[in-house]
Amino acid sequence: MKYRRVKKVLSSIPTIEGGRVYLKRAFGFQNPKDTDPFLMLDYFHLNDPDWYEQGFPWHPHRGFECITYMHAGAFESQDSLGNRMVVKAGGVQQVNAGSGIIHQETPLGDSKGQVSGFQLWINTPAGSKWEKPVYQNFKASTIPEVAIDSKITARMISGNYNGLLGPVQNDHIDLKFLDIIIPPHTPFIYPAATDHTVIAFVVKGSAYFDKHTDPFAFSEIGRGYMDFEDKDCLIDDGKLVMYDNSGNDILITSNDEWVQFLLISGKPIGEPVAWYGPVVMNKQWELRKAYEEYGNGEFVKDEPEIPSKKEKTLVKAV
């Protein structure tokens, strides 16, 4: 059995997006080849409505898929095609923007004002960038939970594990998306496909994400320059792990505490990426055309109901 090795570790970068939503960006807007087919992963864990209630005002999407997974609170979306959905804690929203939508998103706090979740952007092949947009909402009750060795639990958002199938499907890249919790001093082995890009994001706790203990075997981006004395193979919360393609299986071993992480894999698309804001195409002229269409009110191709400028205001949280 040959295990994959950690290639790179990224520390999340505090970011403000939309109207004024404070979040952490695990990766995104770097070299998309490094994480192909994945473009970006954002994480938000907020307790103050002032940090999220302005949401993400009306904006275009074209040429990629967006998956929002909630841990606490809820996430409301409304688009130019008449869709309006709320995904609650434990649930998932899958939006394939295809040829183009204009939408807005609003985080909604729970009874304590807390909202917590993740948003993953996934590229789509050139031939799929002009498909009809599709919205899907999956309640928490539809996400199966797998018990592994009576100790480890995994929520199957997408993919197949131990005979259970996650509801989110993406056949373009054979998407696998798991939310895993491991108790202290416990190993977990995941059989990754040889041709898949594999990443992991640590939500809580810490763990060793391969079997090696050499902290200089991988590069780490985002660590402070004066933190050199603390360099260790133990990878903790808020960090993204990128794996190489040296093997098949992924070995993750917890240390002295529980660890929770997202494990995500998919088959690379291997196409040129032209990316500006919320539009992801293959060529630069396609970006220019997209924003010209947006400015001219011609962006939405499927039964457009584009909001007027006066209507481009946030829907208040209810």
Protein backbone atom coordinates (compact mmCIF):
# COMPACT_ATOMS: atom_id res chain seq x y z
CA MET A 1 0.00 0.00 0.00
CA LYS A 2 1.43 3.35 -1.05
CA TYR A 3 0.14 6.45 0.69
CA ARG A 4 -0.02 9.90 -0.81
CA ARG A 5 2.19 12.54 0.78
CA VAL A 6 1.35 16.08 1.77
CA LYS A 7 2.63 18.44 -0.93
CA LYS A 8 1.65 21.82 0.47
CA VAL A 9 -0.17 23.34 3.46
CA LEU A 10 -1.98 26.68 3.20
CA SER A 11 -3.11 28.85 6.10
CA SER A 12 -6.52 30.45 5.57
CA ILE A 13 -6.50 34.15 4.76
CA PRO A 14 -9.04 36.49 6.46
CA THR A 15 -11.14 38.06 3.73
CA ILE A 16 -14.12 40.42 3.47
CA GLU A 17 -16.51 39.71 0.60
CA GLY A 18 -19.90 40.87 -0.65
CA GLY A 19 -21.71 43.55 1.32
CA ARG A 20 -19.40 42.90 4.26
CA VAL A 21 -19.09 39.24 5.14
CA TYR A 22 -16.04 38.27 7.17
CA LEU A 23 -14.71 34.89 6.13
CA LYS A 24 -11.52 32.88 5.75
CA ARG A 25 -10.30 31.81 2.32
CA ALA A 26 -8.56 28.43 2.40
CA PHE A 27 -7.51 28.81 -1.23
CA GLY A 28 -8.59 30.62 -4.37
CA PHE A 29 -7.36 33.05 -7.02
CA GLN A 30 -3.92 31.43 -7.00
CA ASN A 31 -2.76 29.05 -9.71
CA PRO A 32 -5.90 27.00 -10.49
CA LYS A 33 -3.75 24.19 -11.88
CA ASP A 34 -2.60 23.38 -8.33
CA THR A 35 -6.11 22.40 -7.24
CA ASP A 36 -7.80 21.55 -10.57
CA PRO A 37 -10.81 21.07 -10.72
CA PHE A 38 -11.33 23.04 -7.49
CA LEU A 39 -11.17 26.83 -7.68
CA MET A 40 -11.83 28.18 -4.21
CA LEU A 41 -12.87 27.22 -0.68
CA ASP A 42 -14.25 29.76 1.82
CA TYR A 43 -15.04 29.13 5.48
CA PHE A 44 -17.17 31.36 7.71
CA HIS A 45 -17.77 30.89 11.44
CA LEU A 46 -19.36 34.04 12.84
CA ASN A 47 -21.27 35.00 15.99
CA ASP A 48 -21.96 38.67 15.30
CA PRO A 49 -24.68 39.55 12.74
CA ASP A 50 -22.78 42.75 11.94
CA TRP A 51 -20.14 40.52 10.34
CA TYR A 52 -22.47 38.77 7.91
CA GLU A 53 -26.02 40.18 7.67
CA GLN A 54 -25.20 42.41 4.67
CA GLY A 55 -24.66 39.21 2.69
CA PHE A 56 -23.58 39.00 -0.92
CA PRO A 57 -25.64 41.45 -3.04
CA TRP A 58 -26.76 40.67 -6.59
CA HIS A 59 -23.87 39.43 -8.72
CA PRO A 60 -23.35 37.20 -11.78
CA HIS A 61 -22.12 33.60 -11.92
CA ARG A 62 -21.10 31.77 -15.08
CA GLY A 63 -19.03 28.71 -15.94
CA PHE A 64 -18.62 26.96 -12.59
CA GLU A 65 -20.44 25.09 -9.83
CA CYS A 66 -20.84 26.28 -6.26
CA ILE A 67 -21.50 24.01 -3.25
CA THR A 68 -22.52 25.59 0.08
CA TYR A 69 -22.43 23.32 3.15
CA MET A 70 -23.81 24.64 6.45
CA HIS A 71 -22.77 23.69 9.99
CA ALA A 72 -24.84 26.30 11.85
CA GLY A 73 -27.46 28.89 10.97
CA ALA A 74 -28.76 29.03 7.40
CA PHE A 75 -27.97 30.44 3.96
CA GLU A 76 -30.58 32.04 1.72
CA SER A 77 -30.20 32.36 -2.04
CA GLN A 78 -32.35 34.09 -4.63
CA ASP A 79 -31.66 34.25 -8.37
CA SER A 80 -32.76 35.85 -11.62
CA LEU A 81 -34.56 32.67 -12.72
CA GLY A 82 -37.02 32.87 -9.85
CA ASN A 83 -35.34 30.37 -7.53
CA ARG A 84 -35.33 31.15 -3.82
CA MET A 85 -33.95 28.60 -1.38
CA VAL A 86 -32.76 28.41 2.22
CA VAL A 87 -30.24 25.74 3.20
CA LYS A 88 -30.19 25.08 6.96
CA ALA A 89 -27.61 23.58 9.32
CA GLY A 90 -26.36 20.23 8.07
CA GLY A 91 -27.76 20.85 4.59
CA VAL A 92 -26.16 21.51 1.25
CA GLN A 93 -26.97 23.76 -1.69
CA GLN A 94 -25.57 22.93 -5.13
CA VAL A 95 -25.67 25.59 -7.85
CA ASN A 96 -24.37 24.95 -11.35
CA ALA A 97 -24.30 28.42 -12.88
CA GLY A 98 -23.91 27.06 -16.41
CA SER A 99 -24.56 29.77 -19.02
CA GLY A 100 -25.24 32.33 -16.34
CA ILE A 101 -27.36 33.45 -13.42
CA ILE A 102 -27.54 36.60 -11.34
CA HIS A 103 -28.14 35.90 -7.68
CA GLN A 104 -27.75 37.12 -4.13
CA GLU A 105 -26.89 35.21 -0.95
CA THR A 106 -27.62 36.04 2.67
CA PRO A 107 -26.23 34.19 5.72
CA LEU A 108 -28.88 33.80 8.44
CA GLY A 109 -27.90 33.34 12.08
CA ASP A 110 -29.43 30.75 14.40
CA SER A 111 -31.08 31.59 17.74
CA LYS A 112 -27.66 32.56 19.11
CA GLY A 113 -26.80 34.65 16.07
CA GLN A 114 -24.25 32.09 14.92
CA VAL A 115 -23.67 31.12 11.31
CA SER A 116 -21.05 28.64 10.14
CA GLY A 117 -20.41 26.99 6.81
CA PHE A 118 -18.29 26.44 3.73
CA GLN A 119 -18.51 27.36 0.08
CA LEU A 120 -16.60 25.38 -2.54
CA TRP A 121 -16.21 26.55 -6.15
CA ILE A 122 -15.68 23.83 -8.76
CA ASN A 123 -14.70 24.41 -12.37
CA THR A 124 -16.74 22.87 -15.19
CA PRO A 125 -15.52 21.63 -18.60
CA ALA A 126 -15.80 23.96 -21.61
CA GLY A 127 -18.68 21.97 -23.05
CA SER A 128 -20.69 22.40 -19.84
CA LYS A 129 -20.26 26.13 -19.35
CA TRP A 130 -23.29 26.83 -21.53
CA GLU A 131 -25.66 24.34 -19.94
CA LYS A 132 -28.91 25.45 -18.34
CA PRO A 133 -28.33 26.65 -14.74
CA VAL A 134 -29.43 24.19 -12.05
CA TYR A 135 -30.24 24.80 -8.36
CA GLN A 136 -30.54 21.92 -5.88
CA ASN A 137 -31.12 21.98 -2.13
CA PHE A 138 -30.40 18.97 0.12
CA LYS A 139 -31.71 18.91 3.68
CA ALA A 140 -29.55 17.58 6.51
CA SER A 141 -31.73 14.47 6.70
CA THR A 142 -30.68 13.49 3.16
CA ILE A 143 -26.94 13.47 3.97
CA PRO A 144 -26.03 9.90 5.07
CA GLU A 145 -23.66 9.38 7.99
CA VAL A 146 -21.19 6.51 7.86
CA ALA A 147 -19.77 4.82 10.98
CA ILE A 148 -16.21 3.62 10.36
CA ASP A 149 -14.65 1.14 12.81
CA SER A 150 -17.18 2.23 15.45
CA LYS A 151 -15.01 5.28 16.19
CA ILE A 152 -14.89 7.45 13.10
CA THR A 153 -17.95 9.16 11.61
CA ALA A 154 -18.23 10.66 8.14
CA ARG A 155 -21.07 12.59 6.53
CA MET A 156 -21.27 11.70 2.85
CA ILE A 157 -22.03 14.92 0.99
CA SER A 158 -20.89 13.51 -2.33
CA GLY A 159 -19.46 10.20 -3.48
CA ASN A 160 -19.77 6.60 -2.35
CA TYR A 161 -18.23 5.15 0.80
CA ASN A 162 -19.03 1.84 2.51
CA GLY A 163 -22.05 1.47 0.25
CA LEU A 164 -23.62 4.83 1.10
CA LEU A 165 -24.11 7.43 -1.63
CA GLY A 166 -24.05 11.16 -0.96
CA PRO A 167 -26.85 13.18 -2.62
CA VAL A 168 -24.63 15.78 -4.34
CA GLN A 169 -23.56 14.52 -7.75
CA ASN A 170 -20.99 15.87 -10.17
CA ASP A 171 -20.20 13.39 -12.92
CA HIS A 172 -17.81 15.76 -14.69
CA ILE A 173 -15.16 15.26 -12.01
CA ASP A 174 -16.44 12.25 -10.03
CA LEU A 175 -16.71 14.45 -6.91
CA LYS A 176 -16.07 13.04 -3.43
CA PHE A 177 -16.88 15.30 -0.46
CA LEU A 178 -16.83 14.02 3.14
CA ASP A 179 -17.09 15.69 6.56
CA ILE A 180 -15.08 13.45 8.91
CA ILE A 181 -14.62 13.34 12.69
CA ILE A 182 -11.85 11.21 14.25
CA PRO A 183 -11.28 10.63 18.00
CA PRO A 184 -7.80 10.99 19.57
CA HIS A 185 -4.99 8.62 18.55
CA THR A 186 -6.96 7.03 15.73
CA PRO A 187 -5.83 6.36 12.14
CA PHE A 188 -8.13 6.80 9.15
CA ILE A 189 -7.41 5.45 5.67
CA TYR A 190 -9.28 6.75 2.65
CA PRO A 191 -8.93 5.03 -0.75
CA ALA A 192 -8.51 7.94 -3.16
CA ALA A 193 -8.69 7.45 -6.92
CA THR A 194 -5.25 7.54 -8.55
CA ASP A 195 -6.18 10.29 -11.01
CA HIS A 196 -7.94 12.54 -8.47
CA THR A 197 -6.82 15.82 -6.95
CA VAL A 198 -7.21 15.46 -3.16
CA ILE A 199 -7.44 18.26 -0.60
CA ALA A 200 -8.38 18.38 3.09
CA PHE A 201 -9.48 21.33 5.21
CA VAL A 202 -9.11 21.13 9.00
CA VAL A 203 -12.23 22.47 10.74
CA LYS A 204 -11.39 21.67 14.38
CA GLY A 205 -8.48 20.05 16.18
CA SER A 206 -5.29 18.77 14.59
CA ALA A 207 -3.85 15.64 13.00
CA TYR A 208 -1.03 14.15 10.97
CA PHE A 209 -2.14 14.08 7.34
CA ASP A 210 0.35 11.53 6.06
CA LYS A 211 2.52 8.86 7.66
CA HIS A 212 5.74 10.88 7.58
CA THR A 213 7.05 13.01 10.45
CA ASP A 214 9.46 15.23 8.54
CA PRO A 215 8.13 18.81 8.76
CA PHE A 216 10.42 19.85 5.91
CA ALA A 217 8.97 17.35 3.44
CA PHE A 218 6.26 19.83 2.34
CA SER A 219 5.97 23.56 1.83
CA GLU A 220 3.79 25.67 4.12
CA ILE A 221 2.32 28.98 3.01
CA GLY A 222 0.97 31.54 5.47
CA ARG A 223 3.11 30.66 8.50
CA GLY A 224 4.73 33.63 10.24
CA TYR A 225 8.44 34.11 9.52
CA MET A 226 9.28 33.89 13.22
CA ASP A 227 7.36 30.65 13.73
CA PHE A 228 10.25 28.53 12.47
CA GLU A 229 10.89 26.97 15.91
CA ASP A 230 7.36 25.53 16.03
CA LYS A 231 7.41 23.80 12.64
CA ASP A 232 5.76 20.39 13.02
CA CYS A 233 3.95 17.83 10.89
CA LEU A 234 0.84 18.31 13.02
CA ILE A 235 -1.66 20.31 10.94
CA ASP A 236 -4.35 22.23 12.82
CA ASP A 237 -7.62 24.07 12.22
CA GLY A 238 -7.98 26.62 9.47
CA LYS A 239 -5.36 24.99 7.26
CA LEU A 240 -5.73 23.37 3.87
CA VAL A 241 -3.77 20.25 2.96
CA MET A 242 -2.84 19.60 -0.67
CA TYR A 243 -1.72 16.07 -1.58
CA ASP A 244 0.66 14.92 -4.28
CA ASN A 245 -0.08 12.07 -6.71
CA SER A 246 2.53 9.65 -5.40
CA GLY A 247 0.06 6.99 -4.26
CA ASN A 248 -3.57 6.05 -3.82
CA ASP A 249 -4.63 5.94 -0.19
CA ILE A 250 -4.76 8.86 2.23
CA LEU A 251 -3.62 8.18 5.81
CA ILE A 252 -4.72 10.63 8.50
CA THR A 253 -3.94 10.07 12.20
CA SER A 254 -5.29 12.17 15.05
CA ASN A 255 -3.04 13.18 17.92
CA ASP A 256 -4.21 14.03 21.47
CA GLU A 257 -7.54 15.57 20.49
CA TRP A 258 -10.56 15.06 18.27
CA VAL A 259 -10.17 16.34 14.76
CA GLN A 260 -12.82 17.32 12.20
CA PHE A 261 -11.95 17.95 8.57
CA LEU A 262 -13.41 18.08 5.08
CA LEU A 263 -11.91 15.61 2.61
CA ILE A 264 -12.55 16.53 -1.02
CA SER A 265 -11.38 14.91 -4.24
CA GLY A 266 -12.14 15.10 -7.93
CA LYS A 267 -10.73 14.35 -11.36
CA PRO A 268 -8.82 17.28 -12.91
CA ILE A 269 -10.39 18.90 -15.99
CA GLY A 270 -7.07 19.88 -17.54
CA GLU A 271 -8.33 22.83 -19.57
CA PRO A 272 -7.18 26.48 -19.73
CA VAL A 273 -8.79 28.67 -17.07
CA ALA A 274 -9.73 32.31 -17.64
CA TRP A 275 -11.10 33.64 -14.35
CA TYR A 276 -12.25 37.05 -13.23
CA GLY A 277 -14.50 37.45 -10.19
CA PRO A 278 -17.56 35.16 -10.35
CA VAL A 279 -17.06 34.20 -14.01
CA VAL A 280 -14.85 31.24 -14.98
CA MET A 281 -14.28 30.51 -18.66
CA ASN A 282 -11.51 29.10 -20.87
CA LYS A 283 -10.41 32.20 -22.80
CA GLN A 284 -9.97 35.86 -21.95
CA TRP A 285 -12.32 37.07 -24.66
CA GLU A 286 -15.07 34.97 -23.08
CA LEU A 287 -14.61 36.94 -19.86
CA ARG A 288 -14.81 40.24 -21.72
CA LYS A 289 -17.97 39.12 -23.46
CA ALA A 290 -19.53 37.95 -20.19
CA TYR A 291 -19.10 41.30 -18.47
CA GLU A 292 -20.26 43.19 -21.55
CA GLU A 293 -23.42 41.08 -21.51
CA TYR A 294 -23.84 41.72 -17.79
CA GLY A 295 -23.58 45.46 -18.34
CA ASN A 296 -26.06 45.30 -21.24
CA GLY A 297 -28.63 43.16 -19.39
CA GLU A 298 -27.98 40.16 -21.68
CA PHE A 299 -26.13 37.91 -19.23
CA VAL A 300 -28.86 35.41 -18.37
CA LYS A 301 -29.63 33.11 -21.30
CA ASP A 302 -32.45 30.96 -19.89
CA GLU A 303 -35.77 32.83 -19.54
CA PRO A 304 -34.11 35.92 -18.09
CA GLU A 305 -35.77 37.74 -15.22
CA ILE A 306 -32.84 40.00 -14.44
CA PRO A 307 -33.53 42.32 -11.52
CA SER A 308 -33.50 46.01 -12.35
CA LYS A 309 -30.95 48.25 -10.68
CA LYS A 310 -33.58 49.38 -8.18
CA GLU A 311 -34.32 45.76 -7.30
CA LYS A 312 -30.66 44.87 -6.74
CA THR A 313 -30.97 45.19 -2.99
CA LEU A 314 -30.70 42.55 -0.35
CA VAL A 315 -33.64 40.44 0.73
CA LYS A 316 -33.83 40.92 4.49
CA ALA A 317 -33.24 37.87 6.66
CA VAL A 318 -36.47 36.30 7.89
